[in-house]
Amino acid sequence: MQDAATQRQIRAADPGQSAWLSANAGSGKTRVLTDRVARLLLAGTEPQRILCLTYTKAAASEMQNRLLARLGEWAM
């Protein structure tokens, strides 16, 4: 069974709606953003049409690493 926070993360990862994420460290923001980008790609969105903003280079790098790892798993 999913808790309320997990349910909100799933809704926030839906690329059919606009979302603004703001939460404490370790709350799952990176996962939500990575899930949104993955879902956009699966829906056929061209990568160059996706804009995903973060406040730090470290967060951007972490999202990129997670997304590339997921895409690599799907390709295998």
Protein backbone atom coordinates (compact mmCIF):
# COMPACT_ATOMS: atom_id res chain seq x y z
CA MET A 1 0.00 0.00 0.00
CA GLN A 2 1.29 3.46 -0.90
CA ASP A 3 1.42 6.27 1.62
CA ALA A 4 0.09 9.75 0.89
CA ALA A 5 3.56 11.08 0.02
CA THR A 6 4.12 8.33 -2.53
CA GLN A 7 0.71 8.97 -4.08
CA ARG A 8 1.54 12.68 -4.39
CA GLN A 9 4.88 11.79 -6.02
CA ILE A 10 3.11 9.60 -8.57
CA ARG A 11 0.68 12.42 -9.39
CA ALA A 12 3.55 14.93 -9.65
CA ALA A 13 5.38 12.61 -12.07
CA ASP A 14 2.44 12.77 -14.50
CA PRO A 15 3.75 14.82 -17.45
CA GLY A 16 0.18 15.65 -18.50
CA GLN A 17 0.06 18.34 -15.84
CA SER A 18 2.34 21.20 -14.90
CA ALA A 19 4.07 20.84 -11.56
CA TRP A 20 6.29 22.84 -9.24
CA LEU A 21 8.30 20.76 -6.78
CA SER A 22 9.54 22.18 -3.54
CA ALA A 23 10.43 19.89 -0.65
CA ASN A 24 13.07 19.02 1.91
CA ALA A 25 16.22 17.09 1.06
CA GLY A 26 15.66 13.37 0.72
CA SER A 27 11.95 13.71 0.00
CA GLY A 28 12.07 12.28 -3.53
CA LYS A 29 12.20 15.37 -5.74
CA THR A 30 14.92 13.93 -7.96
CA ARG A 31 12.95 10.72 -8.44
CA VAL A 32 9.77 12.62 -9.36
CA LEU A 33 11.60 14.75 -11.92
CA THR A 34 13.40 11.73 -13.36
CA ASP A 35 10.09 9.86 -13.59
CA ARG A 36 8.47 12.83 -15.38
CA VAL A 37 11.25 12.99 -17.96
CA ALA A 38 11.14 9.21 -18.51
CA ARG A 39 7.36 9.32 -18.99
CA LEU A 40 7.70 12.18 -21.47
CA LEU A 41 10.26 10.20 -23.46
CA LEU A 42 8.05 7.10 -23.41
CA ALA A 43 5.16 9.21 -24.71
CA GLY A 44 7.28 10.19 -27.72
CA THR A 45 8.44 13.65 -26.69
CA GLU A 46 11.67 14.60 -28.43
CA PRO A 47 14.49 14.98 -25.87
CA GLN A 48 15.37 18.47 -27.10
CA ARG A 49 11.83 19.63 -26.22
CA ILE A 50 12.18 18.75 -22.52
CA LEU A 51 13.28 21.42 -20.06
CA CYS A 52 13.97 20.29 -16.50
CA LEU A 53 15.40 22.89 -14.12
CA THR A 54 17.22 22.40 -10.83
CA TYR A 55 18.98 24.76 -8.47
CA THR A 56 22.34 23.01 -8.46
CA LYS A 57 24.69 21.35 -10.91
CA ALA A 58 24.92 18.40 -8.52
CA ALA A 59 21.16 17.83 -8.68
CA ALA A 60 21.18 18.13 -12.47
CA SER A 61 24.04 15.64 -12.69
CA GLU A 62 22.25 13.20 -10.37
CA MET A 63 19.07 13.38 -12.46
CA GLN A 64 21.05 12.83 -15.64
CA ASN A 65 22.84 9.81 -14.14
CA ARG A 66 19.58 8.27 -12.93
CA LEU A 67 17.84 8.83 -16.25
CA LEU A 68 20.73 7.42 -18.28
CA ALA A 69 20.88 4.38 -15.99
CA ARG A 70 17.14 3.79 -16.44
CA LEU A 71 17.34 4.20 -20.21
CA GLY A 72 20.32 1.83 -20.27
CA GLU A 73 18.31 -0.80 -18.36
CA TRP A 74 15.41 -0.47 -20.81
CA ALA A 75 17.77 -0.84 -23.77
CA MET A 76 19.13 -4.11 -22.41
